[in-house]
Amino acid sequence: MFAFTSLKMGATHPKPDYITWKELKAYDRIGPTHDLKRTPIIQRAYDEYTALLKIQGKSPAKNILHLLFAPSCERRIMIVENAFPYYLEPGIIHLVAWINPLYITKEPDVRKFIFAKLVLRFGRPSSQHITYIMFKNNPSHGSIPDVEHYHIFVDSREVASALIDKKAT
């Protein structure tokens, strides 16, 4: 996949195929206009997961609703780590905010909820700030368009810095 040559000769290495933080920033709030890729191993695991669900007569959407929003669940939004994350630059955390379809939730309210949860988990106590990227996939590019959800990305280098600040105070 990568070509390795001598650095003494001034050769450069090709960029890996992962999605960088800079690239993700371009998708903030608007989403990508194309499918985002997973590593081959993660994609294979996802394909096996969906095949198993199909054998069981379930869809990914129904399975997520069952796992996160049982019939008596009053939670409006659930934020979880993405079980099948995109192929991201090392250090980027990929979360998903799933929206309970029993409730009408407007995007500004979702953003406020997500921001509050991220500040609680990763924020700096002095600034109550966390940088994150969030978008909803276009239905033609998402793998589970039947359940409203938002992809959230946090740079763990910033998180590590926040944790260091917390220990110092």
N, C-alpha and C. Protein backbone atom coordinates (compact mmCIF):
# COMPACT_ATOMS: atom_id res chain seq x y z
N MET A 1 0.82 -1.19 0.00
CA MET A 1 0.00 0.00 0.00
C MET A 1 0.87 1.25 0.00
N PHE A 2 1.98 1.22 0.75
CA PHE A 2 2.85 2.38 0.83
C PHE A 2 4.16 2.07 0.13
N ALA A 3 4.74 3.07 -0.51
CA ALA A 3 6.06 2.92 -1.12
C ALA A 3 7.08 3.51 -0.17
N PHE A 4 8.07 2.72 0.19
CA PHE A 4 9.10 3.20 1.10
C PHE A 4 10.38 3.40 0.31
N THR A 5 10.91 4.59 0.38
CA THR A 5 12.17 4.90 -0.28
C THR A 5 13.05 5.64 0.71
N SER A 6 14.29 5.79 0.38
CA SER A 6 15.23 6.44 1.27
C SER A 6 14.93 7.91 1.42
N LEU A 7 14.89 8.36 2.69
CA LEU A 7 14.69 9.79 2.93
C LEU A 7 15.93 10.58 2.54
N LYS A 8 17.09 9.92 2.55
CA LYS A 8 18.33 10.59 2.18
C LYS A 8 18.28 11.05 0.73
N MET A 9 17.51 10.37 -0.09
CA MET A 9 17.42 10.73 -1.49
C MET A 9 16.37 11.81 -1.71
N GLY A 10 15.74 12.27 -0.63
CA GLY A 10 14.75 13.33 -0.75
C GLY A 10 13.38 12.84 -1.19
N ALA A 11 13.18 11.54 -1.20
CA ALA A 11 11.89 11.00 -1.62
C ALA A 11 10.85 11.21 -0.52
N THR A 12 9.62 11.34 -0.91
CA THR A 12 8.54 11.48 0.06
C THR A 12 7.66 10.24 0.02
N HIS A 13 6.98 10.01 1.11
CA HIS A 13 6.08 8.87 1.20
C HIS A 13 4.69 9.33 0.78
N PRO A 14 3.95 8.48 0.08
CA PRO A 14 2.58 8.88 -0.30
C PRO A 14 1.71 9.00 0.94
N LYS A 15 0.71 9.87 0.87
CA LYS A 15 -0.23 10.07 1.97
C LYS A 15 -1.08 8.81 2.13
N PRO A 16 -1.24 8.34 3.37
CA PRO A 16 -2.15 7.20 3.59
C PRO A 16 -3.56 7.58 3.16
N ASP A 17 -4.42 6.58 3.00
CA ASP A 17 -5.78 6.81 2.53
C ASP A 17 -6.74 7.27 3.60
N TYR A 18 -6.26 7.49 4.82
CA TYR A 18 -7.19 7.88 5.88
C TYR A 18 -7.69 9.31 5.69
N ILE A 19 -8.78 9.61 6.38
CA ILE A 19 -9.40 10.93 6.34
C ILE A 19 -8.75 11.76 7.44
N THR A 20 -8.25 12.93 7.09
CA THR A 20 -7.56 13.79 8.05
C THR A 20 -8.56 14.71 8.76
N TRP A 21 -8.08 15.30 9.86
CA TRP A 21 -8.89 16.29 10.59
C TRP A 21 -9.24 17.45 9.67
N LYS A 22 -8.28 17.88 8.87
CA LYS A 22 -8.51 19.00 7.93
C LYS A 22 -9.61 18.64 6.94
N GLU A 23 -9.61 17.42 6.43
CA GLU A 23 -10.66 17.00 5.50
C GLU A 23 -12.02 16.96 6.20
N LEU A 24 -12.04 16.44 7.42
CA LEU A 24 -13.30 16.39 8.16
C LEU A 24 -13.89 17.77 8.38
N LYS A 25 -13.03 18.76 8.62
CA LYS A 25 -13.51 20.14 8.84
C LYS A 25 -14.36 20.63 7.67
N ALA A 26 -14.02 20.19 6.46
CA ALA A 26 -14.78 20.61 5.28
C ALA A 26 -16.20 20.05 5.30
N TYR A 27 -16.44 18.98 6.06
CA TYR A 27 -17.76 18.37 6.13
C TYR A 27 -18.59 18.86 7.31
N ASP A 28 -18.00 19.67 8.20
CA ASP A 28 -18.71 20.10 9.39
C ASP A 28 -20.02 20.77 9.01
N ARG A 29 -21.08 20.30 9.61
CA ARG A 29 -22.45 20.78 9.44
C ARG A 29 -23.09 20.44 8.10
N ILE A 30 -22.30 20.22 7.04
CA ILE A 30 -22.90 19.98 5.73
C ILE A 30 -22.80 18.54 5.27
N GLY A 31 -21.85 17.78 5.80
CA GLY A 31 -21.68 16.39 5.41
C GLY A 31 -20.95 16.23 4.10
N PRO A 32 -20.43 15.04 3.86
CA PRO A 32 -19.70 14.78 2.62
C PRO A 32 -20.66 14.58 1.45
N THR A 33 -20.13 14.76 0.27
CA THR A 33 -20.92 14.53 -0.95
C THR A 33 -20.59 13.17 -1.57
N HIS A 34 -19.86 12.36 -0.84
CA HIS A 34 -19.47 11.03 -1.31
C HIS A 34 -19.40 10.09 -0.10
N ASP A 35 -19.30 8.81 -0.39
CA ASP A 35 -19.19 7.83 0.69
C ASP A 35 -17.82 7.96 1.35
N LEU A 36 -17.80 7.93 2.68
CA LEU A 36 -16.53 7.90 3.40
C LEU A 36 -16.17 6.44 3.63
N LYS A 37 -14.89 6.16 3.54
CA LYS A 37 -14.42 4.77 3.58
C LYS A 37 -14.02 4.32 4.97
N ARG A 38 -14.12 3.01 5.16
CA ARG A 38 -13.61 2.35 6.35
C ARG A 38 -12.35 1.58 5.93
N THR A 39 -11.58 1.13 6.90
CA THR A 39 -10.46 0.25 6.56
C THR A 39 -11.06 -1.05 6.01
N PRO A 40 -10.31 -1.80 5.23
CA PRO A 40 -10.84 -3.08 4.72
C PRO A 40 -11.30 -4.02 5.83
N ILE A 41 -10.59 -4.05 6.94
CA ILE A 41 -10.97 -4.93 8.06
C ILE A 41 -12.28 -4.48 8.68
N ILE A 42 -12.43 -3.18 8.91
CA ILE A 42 -13.68 -2.65 9.49
C ILE A 42 -14.83 -2.83 8.50
N GLN A 43 -14.59 -2.61 7.23
CA GLN A 43 -15.64 -2.79 6.23
C GLN A 43 -16.10 -4.24 6.18
N ARG A 44 -15.16 -5.17 6.24
CA ARG A 44 -15.49 -6.60 6.24
C ARG A 44 -16.33 -6.94 7.47
N ALA A 45 -15.95 -6.41 8.64
CA ALA A 45 -16.72 -6.65 9.86
C ALA A 45 -18.14 -6.09 9.73
N TYR A 46 -18.26 -4.90 9.14
CA TYR A 46 -19.59 -4.30 8.94
C TYR A 46 -20.42 -5.16 7.99
N ASP A 47 -19.81 -5.60 6.91
CA ASP A 47 -20.53 -6.45 5.94
C ASP A 47 -20.99 -7.75 6.59
N GLU A 48 -20.15 -8.34 7.44
CA GLU A 48 -20.52 -9.57 8.14
C GLU A 48 -21.66 -9.31 9.13
N TYR A 49 -21.60 -8.16 9.81
CA TYR A 49 -22.65 -7.76 10.75
C TYR A 49 -23.99 -7.62 10.02
N THR A 50 -23.99 -6.91 8.90
CA THR A 50 -25.26 -6.71 8.17
C THR A 50 -25.77 -8.02 7.58
N ALA A 51 -24.85 -8.90 7.14
CA ALA A 51 -25.26 -10.20 6.62
C ALA A 51 -25.91 -11.04 7.72
N LEU A 52 -25.34 -11.02 8.92
CA LEU A 52 -25.90 -11.75 10.05
C LEU A 52 -27.29 -11.21 10.39
N LEU A 53 -27.43 -9.89 10.41
CA LEU A 53 -28.74 -9.31 10.69
C LEU A 53 -29.77 -9.75 9.64
N LYS A 54 -29.33 -9.79 8.39
CA LYS A 54 -30.24 -10.20 7.31
C LYS A 54 -30.71 -11.64 7.52
N ILE A 55 -29.79 -12.51 7.91
CA ILE A 55 -30.15 -13.91 8.19
C ILE A 55 -31.17 -13.97 9.32
N GLN A 56 -31.03 -13.07 10.30
CA GLN A 56 -31.94 -13.03 11.45
C GLN A 56 -33.24 -12.28 11.13
N GLY A 57 -33.34 -11.76 9.91
CA GLY A 57 -34.55 -11.04 9.52
C GLY A 57 -34.62 -9.63 10.08
N LYS A 58 -33.47 -9.05 10.41
CA LYS A 58 -33.43 -7.70 10.97
C LYS A 58 -32.68 -6.76 10.03
N SER A 59 -32.98 -5.50 10.13
CA SER A 59 -32.22 -4.48 9.41
C SER A 59 -31.30 -3.79 10.41
N PRO A 60 -30.22 -3.15 9.94
CA PRO A 60 -29.37 -2.38 10.88
C PRO A 60 -30.19 -1.33 11.64
N ALA A 61 -31.12 -0.69 10.96
CA ALA A 61 -31.94 0.34 11.62
C ALA A 61 -32.76 -0.26 12.76
N LYS A 62 -33.44 -1.36 12.51
CA LYS A 62 -34.26 -1.99 13.56
C LYS A 62 -33.40 -2.48 14.71
N ASN A 63 -32.23 -2.99 14.40
CA ASN A 63 -31.33 -3.46 15.46
C ASN A 63 -30.87 -2.31 16.35
N ILE A 64 -30.51 -1.19 15.74
CA ILE A 64 -30.07 -0.01 16.52
C ILE A 64 -31.21 0.50 17.40
N LEU A 65 -32.40 0.58 16.82
CA LEU A 65 -33.55 1.05 17.61
C LEU A 65 -33.81 0.12 18.79
N HIS A 66 -33.70 -1.18 18.55
CA HIS A 66 -33.92 -2.16 19.63
C HIS A 66 -32.84 -2.03 20.71
N LEU A 67 -31.59 -1.89 20.30
CA LEU A 67 -30.49 -1.83 21.27
C LEU A 67 -30.46 -0.52 22.06
N LEU A 68 -30.73 0.58 21.40
CA LEU A 68 -30.58 1.88 22.06
C LEU A 68 -31.87 2.47 22.61
N PHE A 69 -32.98 2.17 21.94
CA PHE A 69 -34.25 2.78 22.34
C PHE A 69 -35.32 1.71 22.50
N ALA A 70 -35.20 0.93 23.55
CA ALA A 70 -36.20 -0.10 23.83
C ALA A 70 -37.57 0.57 23.91
N PRO A 71 -38.65 -0.20 23.76
CA PRO A 71 -39.98 0.40 23.71
C PRO A 71 -40.29 1.39 24.83
N SER A 72 -39.77 1.16 26.02
CA SER A 72 -40.10 2.07 27.13
C SER A 72 -39.04 3.16 27.34
N CYS A 73 -38.11 3.26 26.42
CA CYS A 73 -37.01 4.21 26.58
C CYS A 73 -37.48 5.64 26.35
N GLU A 74 -37.10 6.52 27.27
CA GLU A 74 -37.47 7.93 27.13
C GLU A 74 -36.30 8.79 26.67
N ARG A 75 -35.16 8.17 26.44
CA ARG A 75 -34.01 8.93 25.97
C ARG A 75 -34.28 9.45 24.56
N ARG A 76 -33.94 10.69 24.34
CA ARG A 76 -34.14 11.29 23.02
C ARG A 76 -32.93 11.11 22.12
N ILE A 77 -31.74 11.15 22.72
CA ILE A 77 -30.49 11.06 21.97
C ILE A 77 -29.54 10.15 22.72
N MET A 78 -28.86 9.28 21.98
CA MET A 78 -27.83 8.43 22.55
C MET A 78 -26.53 8.67 21.79
N ILE A 79 -25.47 8.97 22.51
CA ILE A 79 -24.16 9.15 21.88
C ILE A 79 -23.32 7.92 22.23
N VAL A 80 -22.83 7.26 21.19
CA VAL A 80 -22.02 6.04 21.37
C VAL A 80 -20.80 6.11 20.44
N GLU A 81 -19.78 5.33 20.79
CA GLU A 81 -18.65 5.20 19.88
C GLU A 81 -19.12 4.44 18.65
N ASN A 82 -18.63 4.85 17.49
CA ASN A 82 -19.01 4.16 16.26
C ASN A 82 -18.36 2.78 16.24
N ALA A 83 -19.18 1.74 16.17
CA ALA A 83 -18.67 0.36 16.15
C ALA A 83 -17.94 0.05 14.85
N PHE A 84 -18.25 0.79 13.79
CA PHE A 84 -17.63 0.58 12.48
C PHE A 84 -17.15 1.94 11.95
N PRO A 85 -16.12 2.50 12.58
CA PRO A 85 -15.70 3.87 12.25
C PRO A 85 -15.10 3.99 10.85
N TYR A 86 -15.11 5.23 10.36
CA TYR A 86 -14.44 5.54 9.10
C TYR A 86 -12.94 5.39 9.29
N TYR A 87 -12.22 5.33 8.19
CA TYR A 87 -10.76 5.22 8.21
C TYR A 87 -10.22 6.63 8.47
N LEU A 88 -9.90 6.90 9.72
CA LEU A 88 -9.54 8.25 10.15
C LEU A 88 -8.07 8.35 10.54
N GLU A 89 -7.58 9.56 10.41
CA GLU A 89 -6.23 9.88 10.87
C GLU A 89 -6.09 9.41 12.33
N PRO A 90 -4.97 8.82 12.68
CA PRO A 90 -4.80 8.40 14.08
C PRO A 90 -5.05 9.56 15.05
N GLY A 91 -5.77 9.27 16.12
CA GLY A 91 -6.05 10.28 17.13
C GLY A 91 -7.43 10.90 17.04
N ILE A 92 -8.22 10.54 16.02
CA ILE A 92 -9.56 11.10 15.89
C ILE A 92 -10.56 10.09 16.46
N ILE A 93 -11.40 10.56 17.37
CA ILE A 93 -12.44 9.73 17.99
C ILE A 93 -13.71 9.90 17.17
N HIS A 94 -14.34 8.78 16.80
CA HIS A 94 -15.56 8.81 15.97
C HIS A 94 -16.74 8.33 16.81
N LEU A 95 -17.63 9.25 17.09
CA LEU A 95 -18.85 8.96 17.85
C LEU A 95 -20.06 9.10 16.93
N VAL A 96 -21.19 8.56 17.37
CA VAL A 96 -22.45 8.72 16.64
C VAL A 96 -23.53 9.10 17.63
N ALA A 97 -24.30 10.12 17.29
CA ALA A 97 -25.47 10.51 18.08
C ALA A 97 -26.71 9.99 17.36
N TRP A 98 -27.37 9.01 17.98
CA TRP A 98 -28.58 8.42 17.41
C TRP A 98 -29.79 9.14 18.01
N ILE A 99 -30.76 9.45 17.17
CA ILE A 99 -31.95 10.20 17.58
C ILE A 99 -33.13 9.23 17.71
N ASN A 100 -33.79 9.27 18.85
CA ASN A 100 -34.96 8.43 19.08
C ASN A 100 -36.08 8.91 18.15
N PRO A 101 -36.59 8.04 17.27
CA PRO A 101 -37.62 8.47 16.32
C PRO A 101 -38.97 8.80 16.95
N LEU A 102 -39.14 8.50 18.24
CA LEU A 102 -40.40 8.84 18.91
C LEU A 102 -40.50 10.32 19.24
N TYR A 103 -39.37 11.02 19.11
CA TYR A 103 -39.33 12.44 19.46
C TYR A 103 -38.90 13.26 18.25
N ILE A 104 -39.50 14.40 18.10
CA ILE A 104 -39.06 15.34 17.06
C ILE A 104 -37.95 16.17 17.68
N THR A 105 -36.79 16.11 17.08
CA THR A 105 -35.64 16.81 17.62
C THR A 105 -35.04 17.67 16.52
N LYS A 106 -34.95 18.95 16.77
CA LYS A 106 -34.39 19.88 15.77
C LYS A 106 -32.88 19.90 15.89
N GLU A 107 -32.21 20.14 14.76
CA GLU A 107 -30.75 20.09 14.75
C GLU A 107 -30.10 21.03 15.76
N PRO A 108 -30.58 22.27 15.95
CA PRO A 108 -29.93 23.12 16.97
C PRO A 108 -29.99 22.50 18.37
N ASP A 109 -31.09 21.82 18.69
CA ASP A 109 -31.20 21.16 19.99
C ASP A 109 -30.24 19.98 20.09
N VAL A 110 -30.08 19.25 18.99
CA VAL A 110 -29.13 18.13 18.96
C VAL A 110 -27.72 18.67 19.19
N ARG A 111 -27.38 19.76 18.52
CA ARG A 111 -26.04 20.35 18.67
C ARG A 111 -25.78 20.79 20.11
N LYS A 112 -26.76 21.40 20.74
CA LYS A 112 -26.60 21.83 22.14
C LYS A 112 -26.38 20.63 23.05
N PHE A 113 -27.18 19.59 22.85
CA PHE A 113 -27.05 18.37 23.65
C PHE A 113 -25.67 17.76 23.48
N ILE A 114 -25.24 17.61 22.23
CA ILE A 114 -23.93 17.01 21.94
C ILE A 114 -22.81 17.84 22.55
N PHE A 115 -22.88 19.15 22.36
CA PHE A 115 -21.84 20.02 22.91
C PHE A 115 -21.75 19.86 24.43
N ALA A 116 -22.89 19.86 25.10
CA ALA A 116 -22.90 19.72 26.57
C ALA A 116 -22.28 18.38 26.98
N LYS A 117 -22.62 17.30 26.29
CA LYS A 117 -22.06 15.99 26.63
C LYS A 117 -20.56 15.94 26.36
N LEU A 118 -20.11 16.54 25.27
CA LEU A 118 -18.68 16.54 24.95
C LEU A 118 -17.89 17.37 25.96
N VAL A 119 -18.44 18.50 26.37
CA VAL A 119 -17.75 19.32 27.38
C VAL A 119 -17.64 18.55 28.69
N LEU A 120 -18.71 17.85 29.07
CA LEU A 120 -18.66 17.05 30.30
C LEU A 120 -17.59 15.97 30.21
N ARG A 121 -17.47 15.34 29.07
CA ARG A 121 -16.53 14.23 28.92
C ARG A 121 -15.10 14.69 28.64
N PHE A 122 -14.95 15.71 27.77
CA PHE A 122 -13.62 16.08 27.30
C PHE A 122 -13.22 17.53 27.57
N GLY A 123 -14.15 18.36 28.02
CA GLY A 123 -13.89 19.79 28.08
C GLY A 123 -12.85 20.23 29.07
N ARG A 124 -12.33 21.39 28.85
CA ARG A 124 -11.37 22.00 29.76
C ARG A 124 -12.17 22.74 30.83
N PRO A 125 -11.87 22.52 32.08
CA PRO A 125 -12.67 23.15 33.13
C PRO A 125 -12.62 24.67 33.09
N SER A 126 -11.51 25.23 32.63
CA SER A 126 -11.39 26.69 32.64
C SER A 126 -12.18 27.35 31.51
N SER A 127 -12.29 26.68 30.37
CA SER A 127 -12.91 27.35 29.22
C SER A 127 -14.25 26.76 28.81
N GLN A 128 -14.60 25.57 29.34
CA GLN A 128 -15.83 24.89 28.92
C GLN A 128 -15.89 24.85 27.39
N HIS A 129 -14.80 24.43 26.79
CA HIS A 129 -14.70 24.42 25.34
C HIS A 129 -14.22 23.06 24.86
N ILE A 130 -14.77 22.63 23.76
CA ILE A 130 -14.28 21.43 23.07
C ILE A 130 -14.50 21.64 21.58
N THR A 131 -13.49 21.33 20.80
CA THR A 131 -13.62 21.43 19.36
C THR A 131 -14.07 20.09 18.82
N TYR A 132 -15.11 20.11 18.02
CA TYR A 132 -15.60 18.88 17.42
C TYR A 132 -16.17 19.18 16.05
N ILE A 133 -16.32 18.14 15.28
CA ILE A 133 -16.92 18.22 13.94
C ILE A 133 -18.15 17.33 13.97
N MET A 134 -19.22 17.80 13.37
CA MET A 134 -20.47 17.04 13.38
C MET A 134 -21.18 17.20 12.05
N PHE A 135 -21.70 16.10 11.54
CA PHE A 135 -22.53 16.19 10.35
C PHE A 135 -23.47 15.00 10.27
N LYS A 136 -24.48 15.18 9.45
CA LYS A 136 -25.43 14.12 9.12
C LYS A 136 -25.12 13.72 7.68
N ASN A 137 -24.99 12.43 7.42
CA ASN A 137 -24.75 11.99 6.05
C ASN A 137 -25.97 12.27 5.18
N ASN A 138 -25.71 12.58 3.92
CA ASN A 138 -26.77 12.64 2.93
C ASN A 138 -27.36 11.24 2.85
N PRO A 139 -28.69 11.08 2.80
CA PRO A 139 -29.28 9.73 2.79
C PRO A 139 -28.71 8.82 1.70
N SER A 140 -28.28 9.38 0.59
CA SER A 140 -27.73 8.53 -0.48
C SER A 140 -26.32 8.05 -0.16
N HIS A 141 -25.68 8.61 0.89
CA HIS A 141 -24.32 8.22 1.23
C HIS A 141 -24.22 7.52 2.59
N GLY A 142 -25.31 7.44 3.30
CA GLY A 142 -25.26 6.82 4.63
C GLY A 142 -25.61 5.34 4.56
N SER A 143 -25.08 4.57 5.49
CA SER A 143 -25.38 3.14 5.50
C SER A 143 -26.65 2.83 6.29
N ILE A 144 -27.13 3.77 7.11
CA ILE A 144 -28.38 3.54 7.87
C ILE A 144 -29.24 4.82 7.78
N PRO A 145 -29.83 5.06 6.62
CA PRO A 145 -30.60 6.29 6.46
C PRO A 145 -31.94 6.30 7.19
N ASP A 146 -32.40 5.12 7.66
CA ASP A 146 -33.72 5.04 8.28
C ASP A 146 -33.77 5.53 9.72
N VAL A 147 -32.62 5.74 10.34
CA VAL A 147 -32.58 6.26 11.71
C VAL A 147 -31.74 7.53 11.68
N GLU A 148 -32.34 8.63 12.10
CA GLU A 148 -31.60 9.89 12.09
C GLU A 148 -30.40 9.78 13.03
N HIS A 149 -29.25 10.18 12.52
CA HIS A 149 -28.04 10.16 13.34
C HIS A 149 -27.01 11.14 12.80
N TYR A 150 -26.12 11.54 13.70
CA TYR A 150 -25.07 12.49 13.38
C TYR A 150 -23.73 11.86 13.71
N HIS A 151 -22.77 12.06 12.81
CA HIS A 151 -21.40 11.63 13.07
C HIS A 151 -20.69 12.75 13.80
N ILE A 152 -19.96 12.40 14.85
CA ILE A 152 -19.24 13.38 15.67
C ILE A 152 -17.77 12.95 15.71
N PHE A 153 -16.89 13.90 15.54
CA PHE A 153 -15.46 13.61 15.55
C PHE A 153 -14.77 14.55 16.54
N VAL A 154 -13.93 13.98 17.38
CA VAL A 154 -13.17 14.73 18.37
C VAL A 154 -11.70 14.39 18.17
N ASP A 155 -10.85 15.39 18.19
CA ASP A 155 -9.41 15.17 18.05
C ASP A 155 -8.85 14.81 19.43
N SER A 156 -8.37 13.59 19.58
CA SER A 156 -7.91 13.14 20.90
C SER A 156 -6.66 13.88 21.37
N ARG A 157 -5.94 14.53 20.45
CA ARG A 157 -4.80 15.33 20.89
C ARG A 157 -5.29 16.51 21.72
N GLU A 158 -6.43 17.07 21.34
CA GLU A 158 -7.02 18.13 22.15
C GLU A 158 -7.55 17.57 23.45
N VAL A 159 -8.15 16.38 23.38
CA VAL A 159 -8.68 15.73 24.58
C VAL A 159 -7.54 15.47 25.56
N ALA A 160 -6.41 14.96 25.06
CA ALA A 160 -5.27 14.69 25.93
C ALA A 160 -4.81 15.98 26.60
N SER A 161 -4.79 17.06 25.85
CA SER A 161 -4.41 18.34 26.40
C SER A 161 -5.39 18.77 27.50
N ALA A 162 -6.68 18.52 27.28
CA ALA A 162 -7.69 18.87 28.28
C ALA A 162 -7.48 18.05 29.56
N LEU A 163 -7.16 16.78 29.39
CA LEU A 163 -6.95 15.93 30.57
C LEU A 163 -5.72 16.37 31.34
N ILE A 164 -4.68 16.79 30.65
CA ILE A 164 -3.48 17.30 31.32
C ILE A 164 -3.83 18.55 32.11
N ASP A 165 -4.65 19.44 31.50
CA ASP A 165 -5.07 20.65 32.20
C ASP A 165 -5.85 20.30 33.46
N LYS A 166 -6.71 19.28 33.39
CA LYS A 166 -7.51 18.90 34.56
C LYS A 166 -6.62 18.39 35.68
N LYS A 167 -5.58 17.64 35.34
CA LYS A 167 -4.68 17.12 36.36
C LYS A 167 -3.87 18.23 37.01
N ALA A 168 -3.58 19.27 36.25
CA ALA A 168 -2.76 20.37 36.76
C ALA A 168 -3.54 21.29 37.69
N THR A 169 -4.87 21.26 37.62
CA THR A 169 -5.65 22.17 38.46
C THR A 169 -6.03 21.55 39.78
